[in-house]
Amino acid sequence: ALAVVFIGFFAVITRRPAISQTLG
């Protein structure tokens, strides 16, 4: 479960556009 937190944070800081950051 904690790995999912890290992966979500990674998606937020490395993906564009804003909608994909929302999914992260």
mmCIF file of all heavy atoms, coordinates in Angstrom:
data_MODEL
# 
_entry.id   MODEL 
# 
loop_
_atom_site.group_PDB 
_atom_site.id 
_atom_site.type_symbol 
_atom_site.label_atom_id 
_atom_site.label_alt_id 
_atom_site.label_comp_id 
_atom_site.label_asym_id 
_atom_site.label_entity_id 
_atom_site.label_seq_id 
_atom_site.pdbx_PDB_ins_code 
_atom_site.Cartn_x 
_atom_site.Cartn_y 
_atom_site.Cartn_z 
_atom_site.occupancy 
_atom_site.B_iso_or_equiv 
_atom_site.pdbx_formal_charge 
_atom_site.auth_seq_id 
_atom_site.auth_comp_id 
_atom_site.auth_asym_id 
_atom_site.auth_atom_id 
_atom_site.pdbx_PDB_model_num 
ATOM 1   N N   . ALA A 1 1  ? 0.830  -1.208 0.000   1.00 0.00 ? 1  ALA A N   1 
ATOM 2   C CA  . ALA A 1 1  ? 0.000  0.000  0.000   1.00 0.00 ? 1  ALA A CA  1 
ATOM 3   C C   . ALA A 1 1  ? 0.864  1.258  0.000   1.00 0.00 ? 1  ALA A C   1 
ATOM 4   O O   . ALA A 1 1  ? 0.559  2.236  -0.698  1.00 0.00 ? 1  ALA A O   1 
ATOM 5   C CB  . ALA A 1 1  ? -0.931 -0.013 1.213   1.00 0.00 ? 1  ALA A CB  1 
ATOM 6   N N   . LEU A 1 2  ? 1.947  1.228  0.758   1.00 0.00 ? 2  LEU A N   1 
ATOM 7   C CA  . LEU A 1 2  ? 2.836  2.390  0.809   1.00 0.00 ? 2  LEU A CA  1 
ATOM 8   C C   . LEU A 1 2  ? 3.517  2.617  -0.536  1.00 0.00 ? 2  LEU A C   1 
ATOM 9   O O   . LEU A 1 2  ? 3.737  3.776  -0.936  1.00 0.00 ? 2  LEU A O   1 
ATOM 10  C CB  . LEU A 1 2  ? 3.876  2.195  1.909   1.00 0.00 ? 2  LEU A CB  1 
ATOM 11  C CG  . LEU A 1 2  ? 4.745  3.406  2.258   1.00 0.00 ? 2  LEU A CG  1 
ATOM 12  C CD1 . LEU A 1 2  ? 3.886  4.576  2.723   1.00 0.00 ? 2  LEU A CD1 1 
ATOM 13  C CD2 . LEU A 1 2  ? 5.771  3.034  3.327   1.00 0.00 ? 2  LEU A CD2 1 
ATOM 14  N N   . ALA A 1 3  ? 3.807  1.548  -1.251  1.00 0.00 ? 3  ALA A N   1 
ATOM 15  C CA  . ALA A 1 3  ? 4.402  1.689  -2.582  1.00 0.00 ? 3  ALA A CA  1 
ATOM 16  C C   . ALA A 1 3  ? 3.460  2.432  -3.529  1.00 0.00 ? 3  ALA A C   1 
ATOM 17  O O   . ALA A 1 3  ? 3.903  3.204  -4.384  1.00 0.00 ? 3  ALA A O   1 
ATOM 18  C CB  . ALA A 1 3  ? 4.746  0.313  -3.153  1.00 0.00 ? 3  ALA A CB  1 
ATOM 19  N N   . VAL A 1 4  ? 2.160  2.222  -3.377  1.00 0.00 ? 4  VAL A N   1 
ATOM 20  C CA  . VAL A 1 4  ? 1.175  2.930  -4.205  1.00 0.00 ? 4  VAL A CA  1 
ATOM 21  C C   . VAL A 1 4  ? 1.239  4.431  -3.936  1.00 0.00 ? 4  VAL A C   1 
ATOM 22  O O   . VAL A 1 4  ? 1.097  5.252  -4.854  1.00 0.00 ? 4  VAL A O   1 
ATOM 23  C CB  . VAL A 1 4  ? -0.241 2.379  -3.954  1.00 0.00 ? 4  VAL A CB  1 
ATOM 24  C CG1 . VAL A 1 4  ? -1.283 3.178  -4.741  1.00 0.00 ? 4  VAL A CG1 1 
ATOM 25  C CG2 . VAL A 1 4  ? -0.317 0.904  -4.330  1.00 0.00 ? 4  VAL A CG2 1 
ATOM 26  N N   . VAL A 1 5  ? 1.463  4.815  -2.676  1.00 0.00 ? 5  VAL A N   1 
ATOM 27  C CA  . VAL A 1 5  ? 1.622  6.236  -2.334  1.00 0.00 ? 5  VAL A CA  1 
ATOM 28  C C   . VAL A 1 5  ? 2.805  6.820  -3.094  1.00 0.00 ? 5  VAL A C   1 
ATOM 29  O O   . VAL A 1 5  ? 2.709  7.889  -3.722  1.00 0.00 ? 5  VAL A O   1 
ATOM 30  C CB  . VAL A 1 5  ? 1.833  6.412  -0.815  1.00 0.00 ? 5  VAL A CB  1 
ATOM 31  C CG1 . VAL A 1 5  ? 2.081  7.882  -0.470  1.00 0.00 ? 5  VAL A CG1 1 
ATOM 32  C CG2 . VAL A 1 5  ? 0.626  5.890  -0.051  1.00 0.00 ? 5  VAL A CG2 1 
ATOM 33  N N   . PHE A 1 6  ? 3.938  6.123  -3.061  1.00 0.00 ? 6  PHE A N   1 
ATOM 34  C CA  . PHE A 1 6  ? 5.143  6.616  -3.737  1.00 0.00 ? 6  PHE A CA  1 
ATOM 35  C C   . PHE A 1 6  ? 4.948  6.690  -5.246  1.00 0.00 ? 6  PHE A C   1 
ATOM 36  O O   . PHE A 1 6  ? 5.378  7.645  -5.896  1.00 0.00 ? 6  PHE A O   1 
ATOM 37  C CB  . PHE A 1 6  ? 6.334  5.715  -3.400  1.00 0.00 ? 6  PHE A CB  1 
ATOM 38  C CG  . PHE A 1 6  ? 6.750  5.737  -1.957  1.00 0.00 ? 6  PHE A CG  1 
ATOM 39  C CD1 . PHE A 1 6  ? 7.364  4.644  -1.377  1.00 0.00 ? 6  PHE A CD1 1 
ATOM 40  C CD2 . PHE A 1 6  ? 6.526  6.856  -1.173  1.00 0.00 ? 6  PHE A CD2 1 
ATOM 41  C CE1 . PHE A 1 6  ? 7.756  4.667  -0.050  1.00 0.00 ? 6  PHE A CE1 1 
ATOM 42  C CE2 . PHE A 1 6  ? 6.907  6.897  0.157   1.00 0.00 ? 6  PHE A CE2 1 
ATOM 43  C CZ  . PHE A 1 6  ? 7.532  5.794  0.726   1.00 0.00 ? 6  PHE A CZ  1 
ATOM 44  N N   . ILE A 1 7  ? 4.299  5.670  -5.816  1.00 0.00 ? 7  ILE A N   1 
ATOM 45  C CA  . ILE A 1 7  ? 4.073  5.652  -7.264  1.00 0.00 ? 7  ILE A CA  1 
ATOM 46  C C   . ILE A 1 7  ? 3.136  6.785  -7.671  1.00 0.00 ? 7  ILE A C   1 
ATOM 47  O O   . ILE A 1 7  ? 3.337  7.449  -8.697  1.00 0.00 ? 7  ILE A O   1 
ATOM 48  C CB  . ILE A 1 7  ? 3.518  4.282  -7.697  1.00 0.00 ? 7  ILE A CB  1 
ATOM 49  C CG1 . ILE A 1 7  ? 4.583  3.194  -7.500  1.00 0.00 ? 7  ILE A CG1 1 
ATOM 50  C CG2 . ILE A 1 7  ? 3.060  4.317  -9.164  1.00 0.00 ? 7  ILE A CG2 1 
ATOM 51  C CD1 . ILE A 1 7  ? 4.055  1.787  -7.654  1.00 0.00 ? 7  ILE A CD1 1 
ATOM 52  N N   . GLY A 1 8  ? 2.090  7.023  -6.867  1.00 0.00 ? 8  GLY A N   1 
ATOM 53  C CA  . GLY A 1 8  ? 1.190  8.132  -7.160  1.00 0.00 ? 8  GLY A CA  1 
ATOM 54  C C   . GLY A 1 8  ? 1.910  9.461  -7.125  1.00 0.00 ? 8  GLY A C   1 
ATOM 55  O O   . GLY A 1 8  ? 1.704  10.325 -7.994  1.00 0.00 ? 8  GLY A O   1 
ATOM 56  N N   . PHE A 1 9  ? 2.789  9.655  -6.131  1.00 0.00 ? 9  PHE A N   1 
ATOM 57  C CA  . PHE A 1 9  ? 3.555  10.898 -6.042  1.00 0.00 ? 9  PHE A CA  1 
ATOM 58  C C   . PHE A 1 9  ? 4.486  11.037 -7.246  1.00 0.00 ? 9  PHE A C   1 
ATOM 59  O O   . PHE A 1 9  ? 4.624  12.130 -7.813  1.00 0.00 ? 9  PHE A O   1 
ATOM 60  C CB  . PHE A 1 9  ? 4.358  10.919 -4.743  1.00 0.00 ? 9  PHE A CB  1 
ATOM 61  C CG  . PHE A 1 9  ? 5.118  12.195 -4.527  1.00 0.00 ? 9  PHE A CG  1 
ATOM 62  C CD1 . PHE A 1 9  ? 4.456  13.356 -4.170  1.00 0.00 ? 9  PHE A CD1 1 
ATOM 63  C CD2 . PHE A 1 9  ? 6.489  12.232 -4.688  1.00 0.00 ? 9  PHE A CD2 1 
ATOM 64  C CE1 . PHE A 1 9  ? 5.153  14.542 -3.977  1.00 0.00 ? 9  PHE A CE1 1 
ATOM 65  C CE2 . PHE A 1 9  ? 7.198  13.409 -4.501  1.00 0.00 ? 9  PHE A CE2 1 
ATOM 66  C CZ  . PHE A 1 9  ? 6.528  14.562 -4.141  1.00 0.00 ? 9  PHE A CZ  1 
ATOM 67  N N   . PHE A 1 10 ? 5.098  9.933  -7.657  1.00 0.00 ? 10 PHE A N   1 
ATOM 68  C CA  . PHE A 1 10 ? 5.967  9.947  -8.836  1.00 0.00 ? 10 PHE A CA  1 
ATOM 69  C C   . PHE A 1 10 ? 5.179  10.369 -10.078 1.00 0.00 ? 10 PHE A C   1 
ATOM 70  O O   . PHE A 1 10 ? 5.674  11.159 -10.898 1.00 0.00 ? 10 PHE A O   1 
ATOM 71  C CB  . PHE A 1 10 ? 6.580  8.554  -9.033  1.00 0.00 ? 10 PHE A CB  1 
ATOM 72  C CG  . PHE A 1 10 ? 7.397  8.418  -10.284 1.00 0.00 ? 10 PHE A CG  1 
ATOM 73  C CD1 . PHE A 1 10 ? 8.659  8.976  -10.372 1.00 0.00 ? 10 PHE A CD1 1 
ATOM 74  C CD2 . PHE A 1 10 ? 6.899  7.715  -11.383 1.00 0.00 ? 10 PHE A CD2 1 
ATOM 75  C CE1 . PHE A 1 10 ? 9.421  8.845  -11.536 1.00 0.00 ? 10 PHE A CE1 1 
ATOM 76  C CE2 . PHE A 1 10 ? 7.639  7.589  -12.537 1.00 0.00 ? 10 PHE A CE2 1 
ATOM 77  C CZ  . PHE A 1 10 ? 8.915  8.154  -12.617 1.00 0.00 ? 10 PHE A CZ  1 
ATOM 78  N N   . ALA A 1 11 ? 3.952  9.867  -10.223 1.00 0.00 ? 11 ALA A N   1 
ATOM 79  C CA  . ALA A 1 11 ? 3.113  10.235 -11.366 1.00 0.00 ? 11 ALA A CA  1 
ATOM 80  C C   . ALA A 1 11 ? 2.762  11.719 -11.342 1.00 0.00 ? 11 ALA A C   1 
ATOM 81  O O   . ALA A 1 11 ? 2.728  12.380 -12.386 1.00 0.00 ? 11 ALA A O   1 
ATOM 82  C CB  . ALA A 1 11 ? 1.844  9.384  -11.387 1.00 0.00 ? 11 ALA A CB  1 
ATOM 83  N N   . VAL A 1 12 ? 2.503  12.249 -10.154 1.00 0.00 ? 12 VAL A N   1 
ATOM 84  C CA  . VAL A 1 12 ? 2.138  13.668 -10.036 1.00 0.00 ? 12 VAL A CA  1 
ATOM 85  C C   . VAL A 1 12 ? 3.267  14.569 -10.515 1.00 0.00 ? 12 VAL A C   1 
ATOM 86  O O   . VAL A 1 12 ? 3.028  15.563 -11.222 1.00 0.00 ? 12 VAL A O   1 
ATOM 87  C CB  . VAL A 1 12 ? 1.766  14.015 -8.575  1.00 0.00 ? 12 VAL A CB  1 
ATOM 88  C CG1 . VAL A 1 12 ? 1.645  15.524 -8.389  1.00 0.00 ? 12 VAL A CG1 1 
ATOM 89  C CG2 . VAL A 1 12 ? 0.457  13.335 -8.186  1.00 0.00 ? 12 VAL A CG2 1 
ATOM 90  N N   . ILE A 1 13 ? 4.508  14.231 -10.180 1.00 0.00 ? 13 ILE A N   1 
ATOM 91  C CA  . ILE A 1 13 ? 5.625  15.136 -10.484 1.00 0.00 ? 13 ILE A CA  1 
ATOM 92  C C   . ILE A 1 13 ? 6.246  14.892 -11.851 1.00 0.00 ? 13 ILE A C   1 
ATOM 93  O O   . ILE A 1 13 ? 7.046  15.720 -12.304 1.00 0.00 ? 13 ILE A O   1 
ATOM 94  C CB  . ILE A 1 13 ? 6.714  15.047 -9.396  1.00 0.00 ? 13 ILE A CB  1 
ATOM 95  C CG1 . ILE A 1 13 ? 7.339  13.649 -9.366  1.00 0.00 ? 13 ILE A CG1 1 
ATOM 96  C CG2 . ILE A 1 13 ? 6.162  15.432 -8.042  1.00 0.00 ? 13 ILE A CG2 1 
ATOM 97  C CD1 . ILE A 1 13 ? 8.495  13.529 -8.376  1.00 0.00 ? 13 ILE A CD1 1 
ATOM 98  N N   . THR A 1 14 ? 5.895  13.794 -12.527 1.00 0.00 ? 14 THR A N   1 
ATOM 99  C CA  . THR A 1 14 ? 6.558  13.496 -13.800 1.00 0.00 ? 14 THR A CA  1 
ATOM 100 C C   . THR A 1 14 ? 5.625  13.460 -14.998 1.00 0.00 ? 14 THR A C   1 
ATOM 101 O O   . THR A 1 14 ? 6.080  13.199 -16.114 1.00 0.00 ? 14 THR A O   1 
ATOM 102 C CB  . THR A 1 14 ? 7.296  12.141 -13.734 1.00 0.00 ? 14 THR A CB  1 
ATOM 103 O OG1 . THR A 1 14 ? 6.344  11.084 -13.506 1.00 0.00 ? 14 THR A OG1 1 
ATOM 104 C CG2 . THR A 1 14 ? 8.346  12.145 -12.635 1.00 0.00 ? 14 THR A CG2 1 
ATOM 105 N N   . ARG A 1 15 ? 4.329  13.716 -14.806 1.00 0.00 ? 15 ARG A N   1 
ATOM 106 C CA  . ARG A 1 15 ? 3.390  13.566 -15.916 1.00 0.00 ? 15 ARG A CA  1 
ATOM 107 C C   . ARG A 1 15 ? 2.689  14.876 -16.237 1.00 0.00 ? 15 ARG A C   1 
ATOM 108 O O   . ARG A 1 15 ? 2.492  15.720 -15.385 1.00 0.00 ? 15 ARG A O   1 
ATOM 109 C CB  . ARG A 1 15 ? 2.369  12.470 -15.618 1.00 0.00 ? 15 ARG A CB  1 
ATOM 110 C CG  . ARG A 1 15 ? 3.015  11.099 -15.530 1.00 0.00 ? 15 ARG A CG  1 
ATOM 111 C CD  . ARG A 1 15 ? 2.078  9.993  -15.892 1.00 0.00 ? 15 ARG A CD  1 
ATOM 112 N NE  . ARG A 1 15 ? 2.786  8.900  -16.520 1.00 0.00 ? 15 ARG A NE  1 
ATOM 113 C CZ  . ARG A 1 15 ? 2.201  7.874  -17.097 1.00 0.00 ? 15 ARG A CZ  1 
ATOM 114 N NH1 . ARG A 1 15 ? 0.884  7.802  -17.132 1.00 0.00 ? 15 ARG A NH1 1 
ATOM 115 N NH2 . ARG A 1 15 ? 2.900  6.916  -17.645 1.00 0.00 ? 15 ARG A NH2 1 
ATOM 116 N N   . ARG A 1 16 ? 2.357  15.013 -17.512 1.00 0.00 ? 16 ARG A N   1 
ATOM 117 C CA  . ARG A 1 16 ? 1.578  16.121 -18.039 1.00 0.00 ? 16 ARG A CA  1 
ATOM 118 C C   . ARG A 1 16 ? 0.540  15.523 -18.978 1.00 0.00 ? 16 ARG A C   1 
ATOM 119 O O   . ARG A 1 16 ? 0.784  14.465 -19.548 1.00 0.00 ? 16 ARG A O   1 
ATOM 120 C CB  . ARG A 1 16 ? 2.477  17.114 -18.801 1.00 0.00 ? 16 ARG A CB  1 
ATOM 121 C CG  . ARG A 1 16 ? 3.598  17.745 -17.985 1.00 0.00 ? 16 ARG A CG  1 
ATOM 122 C CD  . ARG A 1 16 ? 3.065  18.648 -16.889 1.00 0.00 ? 16 ARG A CD  1 
ATOM 123 N NE  . ARG A 1 16 ? 4.167  19.327 -16.192 1.00 0.00 ? 16 ARG A NE  1 
ATOM 124 C CZ  . ARG A 1 16 ? 4.849  18.793 -15.191 1.00 0.00 ? 16 ARG A CZ  1 
ATOM 125 N NH1 . ARG A 1 16 ? 4.552  17.576 -14.768 1.00 0.00 ? 16 ARG A NH1 1 
ATOM 126 N NH2 . ARG A 1 16 ? 5.822  19.454 -14.615 1.00 0.00 ? 16 ARG A NH2 1 
ATOM 127 N N   . PRO A 1 17 ? -0.624 16.133 -19.161 1.00 0.00 ? 17 PRO A N   1 
ATOM 128 C CA  . PRO A 1 17 ? -1.117 17.412 -18.660 1.00 0.00 ? 17 PRO A CA  1 
ATOM 129 C C   . PRO A 1 17 ? -1.660 17.289 -17.245 1.00 0.00 ? 17 PRO A C   1 
ATOM 130 O O   . PRO A 1 17 ? -1.498 16.257 -16.591 1.00 0.00 ? 17 PRO A O   1 
ATOM 131 C CB  . PRO A 1 17 ? -2.224 17.767 -19.651 1.00 0.00 ? 17 PRO A CB  1 
ATOM 132 C CG  . PRO A 1 17 ? -2.758 16.431 -20.059 1.00 0.00 ? 17 PRO A CG  1 
ATOM 133 C CD  . PRO A 1 17 ? -1.549 15.511 -20.120 1.00 0.00 ? 17 PRO A CD  1 
ATOM 134 N N   . ALA A 1 18 ? -2.371 18.348 -16.798 1.00 0.00 ? 18 ALA A N   1 
ATOM 135 C CA  . ALA A 1 18 ? -2.837 18.411 -15.419 1.00 0.00 ? 18 ALA A CA  1 
ATOM 136 C C   . ALA A 1 18 ? -3.783 17.267 -15.075 1.00 0.00 ? 18 ALA A C   1 
ATOM 137 O O   . ALA A 1 18 ? -3.799 16.781 -13.947 1.00 0.00 ? 18 ALA A O   1 
ATOM 138 C CB  . ALA A 1 18 ? -3.522 19.757 -15.157 1.00 0.00 ? 18 ALA A CB  1 
ATOM 139 N N   . ILE A 1 19 ? -4.570 16.803 -16.039 1.00 0.00 ? 19 ILE A N   1 
ATOM 140 C CA  . ILE A 1 19 ? -5.533 15.738 -15.763 1.00 0.00 ? 19 ILE A CA  1 
ATOM 141 C C   . ILE A 1 19 ? -4.817 14.444 -15.393 1.00 0.00 ? 19 ILE A C   1 
ATOM 142 O O   . ILE A 1 19 ? -5.282 13.675 -14.549 1.00 0.00 ? 19 ILE A O   1 
ATOM 143 C CB  . ILE A 1 19 ? -6.478 15.521 -16.971 1.00 0.00 ? 19 ILE A CB  1 
ATOM 144 C CG1 . ILE A 1 19 ? -7.730 14.770 -16.542 1.00 0.00 ? 19 ILE A CG1 1 
ATOM 145 C CG2 . ILE A 1 19 ? -5.774 14.838 -18.118 1.00 0.00 ? 19 ILE A CG2 1 
ATOM 146 C CD1 . ILE A 1 19 ? -8.683 15.573 -15.732 1.00 0.00 ? 19 ILE A CD1 1 
ATOM 147 N N   . SER A 1 20 ? -3.647 14.188 -16.002 1.00 0.00 ? 20 SER A N   1 
ATOM 148 C CA  . SER A 1 20 ? -2.888 12.988 -15.650 1.00 0.00 ? 20 SER A CA  1 
ATOM 149 C C   . SER A 1 20 ? -2.256 13.127 -14.276 1.00 0.00 ? 20 SER A C   1 
ATOM 150 O O   . SER A 1 20 ? -2.087 12.141 -13.555 1.00 0.00 ? 20 SER A O   1 
ATOM 151 C CB  . SER A 1 20 ? -1.823 12.698 -16.712 1.00 0.00 ? 20 SER A CB  1 
ATOM 152 O OG  . SER A 1 20 ? -0.871 13.744 -16.761 1.00 0.00 ? 20 SER A OG  1 
ATOM 153 N N   . GLN A 1 21 ? -1.920 14.363 -13.879 1.00 0.00 ? 21 GLN A N   1 
ATOM 154 C CA  . GLN A 1 21 ? -1.432 14.589 -12.530 1.00 0.00 ? 21 GLN A CA  1 
ATOM 155 C C   . GLN A 1 21 ? -2.543 14.326 -11.512 1.00 0.00 ? 21 GLN A C   1 
ATOM 156 O O   . GLN A 1 21 ? -2.286 13.824 -10.420 1.00 0.00 ? 21 GLN A O   1 
ATOM 157 C CB  . GLN A 1 21 ? -0.914 16.021 -12.400 1.00 0.00 ? 21 GLN A CB  1 
ATOM 158 C CG  . GLN A 1 21 ? 0.322  16.295 -13.247 1.00 0.00 ? 21 GLN A CG  1 
ATOM 159 C CD  . GLN A 1 21 ? 0.698  17.766 -13.236 1.00 0.00 ? 21 GLN A CD  1 
ATOM 160 O OE1 . GLN A 1 21 ? -0.160 18.637 -13.217 1.00 0.00 ? 21 GLN A OE1 1 
ATOM 161 N NE2 . GLN A 1 21 ? 1.986  18.035 -13.262 1.00 0.00 ? 21 GLN A NE2 1 
ATOM 162 N N   . THR A 1 22 ? -3.776 14.679 -11.882 1.00 0.00 ? 22 THR A N   1 
ATOM 163 C CA  . THR A 1 22 ? -4.917 14.403 -11.014 1.00 0.00 ? 22 THR A CA  1 
ATOM 164 C C   . THR A 1 22 ? -5.079 12.901 -10.804 1.00 0.00 ? 22 THR A C   1 
ATOM 165 O O   . THR A 1 22 ? -5.355 12.444 -9.683  1.00 0.00 ? 22 THR A O   1 
ATOM 166 C CB  . THR A 1 22 ? -6.202 14.984 -11.616 1.00 0.00 ? 22 THR A CB  1 
ATOM 167 O OG1 . THR A 1 22 ? -6.024 16.375 -11.864 1.00 0.00 ? 22 THR A OG1 1 
ATOM 168 C CG2 . THR A 1 22 ? -7.391 14.778 -10.683 1.00 0.00 ? 22 THR A CG2 1 
ATOM 169 N N   . LEU A 1 23 ? -4.907 12.125 -11.862 1.00 0.00 ? 23 LEU A N   1 
ATOM 170 C CA  . LEU A 1 23 ? -4.993 10.671 -11.749 1.00 0.00 ? 23 LEU A CA  1 
ATOM 171 C C   . LEU A 1 23 ? -3.876 10.133 -10.855 1.00 0.00 ? 23 LEU A C   1 
ATOM 172 O O   . LEU A 1 23 ? -4.089 9.198  -10.069 1.00 0.00 ? 23 LEU A O   1 
ATOM 173 C CB  . LEU A 1 23 ? -4.931 10.034 -13.138 1.00 0.00 ? 23 LEU A CB  1 
ATOM 174 C CG  . LEU A 1 23 ? -6.182 10.262 -13.992 1.00 0.00 ? 23 LEU A CG  1 
ATOM 175 C CD1 . LEU A 1 23 ? -5.880 10.003 -15.466 1.00 0.00 ? 23 LEU A CD1 1 
ATOM 176 C CD2 . LEU A 1 23 ? -7.320 9.385  -13.523 1.00 0.00 ? 23 LEU A CD2 1 
ATOM 177 N N   . GLY A 1 24 ? -2.687 10.724 -10.961 1.00 0.00 ? 24 GLY A N   1 
ATOM 178 C CA  . GLY A 1 24 ? -1.602 10.332 -10.068 1.00 0.00 ? 24 GLY A CA  1 
ATOM 179 C C   . GLY A 1 24 ? -1.921 10.650 -8.622  1.00 0.00 ? 24 GLY A C   1 
ATOM 180 O O   . GLY A 1 24 ? -1.638 9.855  -7.719  1.00 0.00 ? 24 GLY A O   1 
# 
